[in-house]
Amino acid sequence: MDVSRRCSREERPKGVEGGIGIFPSRPSLRIATWIACALLFACAGKPRLQAPDPEPISADVPATQSGPTLDSGSIESLVDLAEVERRAGNREAEYALLARVLDRDSVHSGAHARLAALTGPAPARSVAGADDLVRRAVLHPYDPAALVAAAEALARRGRTDQAVEYLERAVWLADLDPSSAQIAIRQLSRLSDDWRLRRVVPVQVHADELIRARPGWRFRIRTLWLSVSKTLDEVLETRFVPIAIGSFDPGEAPNDLDLIHEIFVSSADAPGEGILAAVTERAIPADPGVFKKGVAEFLGRSLVVRLEPRATQSRVLAHEILHLYGAIHVLDDVDTLMNPAGTSLVLDGPSIRIVRALRSRAFGPGGIEENVLPWVDLAETVAAYRTALSVNLDLRQAGLAEALEAHLRSPERASLRARQATRLDTHLADAARLVAALMLADARREEALRLLNLSSQLYGLDTPRGRETAEQVEMLRSSLAAPASRSPD
């Protein structure tokens, strides 16, 4: 399904020179909360969303509440009671208990999965009118086609806000019915100012066996990408939509994300348009060494991320997505999301400028030439990277100076600062080489030479890319040193 969109809009002032916090204390998940309310409406017969007054319901789920009731108790105790009712065949009581779970925890993946199984898709039958369409969507809240049909009926009656909520839920469930989700996205761009100004990027997600072993794992994946869309919205204005949720198994491969990423990309079929993502719950090994939490292609379209058990939001995923949009690492003591070793949820000014310059990029087949250069302002992109690289180099130089000053006072501190300042980083190297190529195309060869030299050092001269870039440096240096050829008199 081709759900990508590019929209133009005036820039809103957002304090680019400072930083922005991208994670709220809890992700905005109106969609999941709405589902809980709709389920309670279906179960108890109390309209929570001002839906058209229904006639007495005699459908898939009884309209009266029965079974055990709890005035208090943990969420998991409600889940356990729902399981007891399921085994006893008391669908009505199970339904009511699971709806209460979602009333307390709107992103409880297990409860969503069991309610989806309990309500099922809307039956194929003729409908009596708009009220009947809405009733079907309320009784079958995980059926994207039913949600879209109800939204269209509500929109015709002028109930735009309700229609938007139904359509957003259909997008949340896009992998179940991509064609209905595509219709929902078109309708949302017509009905909602927020969606009209927003790009939509499809995502093909694959989960490893550890994630798939948990109940409701697909709902967890859907909520994860909804959450990261919300948290990155201020800088990207993009909705990431999982249009396919599948599996992958790295087998007996070592617990190394670079290797897992290589295996994943080589074995998965990339979508025609969109991001290719894998998620795993493999824990970081206890062995000594450096083990990554996430891997992403710089300005590419694939990534692999480690998730914390049961997590429905992820700083690591947000960090890796920003690499797809060209963001680069900063030093360990900089307070920003682009610090790979940190915990900060704030994005620094230089990174904001890079991401905003590149957020209109495409995610199709091919490389940077097809997916980046035709879609961005090249002058602004070069300026954004030059600023970020200059800041990074200044901080590295400051770190080396601090290491020299600290040597006599604290050799251990000096050693740490020296390692931080000289650490190799392929993302920085990629950025330096990209900007060098753009400068060569603009005949700015001396600036390109300096950036290529930086790139070879950041790759490491003992790596293939480092040696290849060092050869480019020597060729360019020789070209600059050669006297200009003179035409005959």
Foldseek 3Di string as FASTA:
>chain_A
DPQWDAFDDDDDDDPLQFWFFLADPDFDDVLLLVLLQLLLCQLQVDDPPPAPRDDQDDDLEHNYADDDDDPDDDLVVLVVRLVVCVVVVNLSNNSVSLSVSCNVPSLPLQSVLVLQVSQDQQDDDDADALSRLVSSCSSNVLHLVSLQSNLVSCVVVVNLVSSLSSLVSSQLNQQVPVVSNSVSLVVCLVRPPLSVNATEFEEAEAEEPVLVVDRNSVSLVSLAQQRLCSSCCSLQSYRYGHNHYYYDYPDPDPLAQVVVQVVPVVPDDDDQWHAYEYEYQDDDDPDDDDGAQKDEDQLARYMYGHDHPPDSYDLRVNLRVLSVLQAAAAFCVDQASRPRPDDHSMHHSLSSQSNNQFSQFTHGPDGCVRTTVVGGDVVSNLVSLVVVVVVRLVQLVVLQVVLVVCCVVDVVSSVVSPCRSQAADQSNLVSLQVSLVVVVVVVVLVSSLVSLQVSLSNVPVVDPVSVVSVVVSVVSVVVVPDDDDDDDD
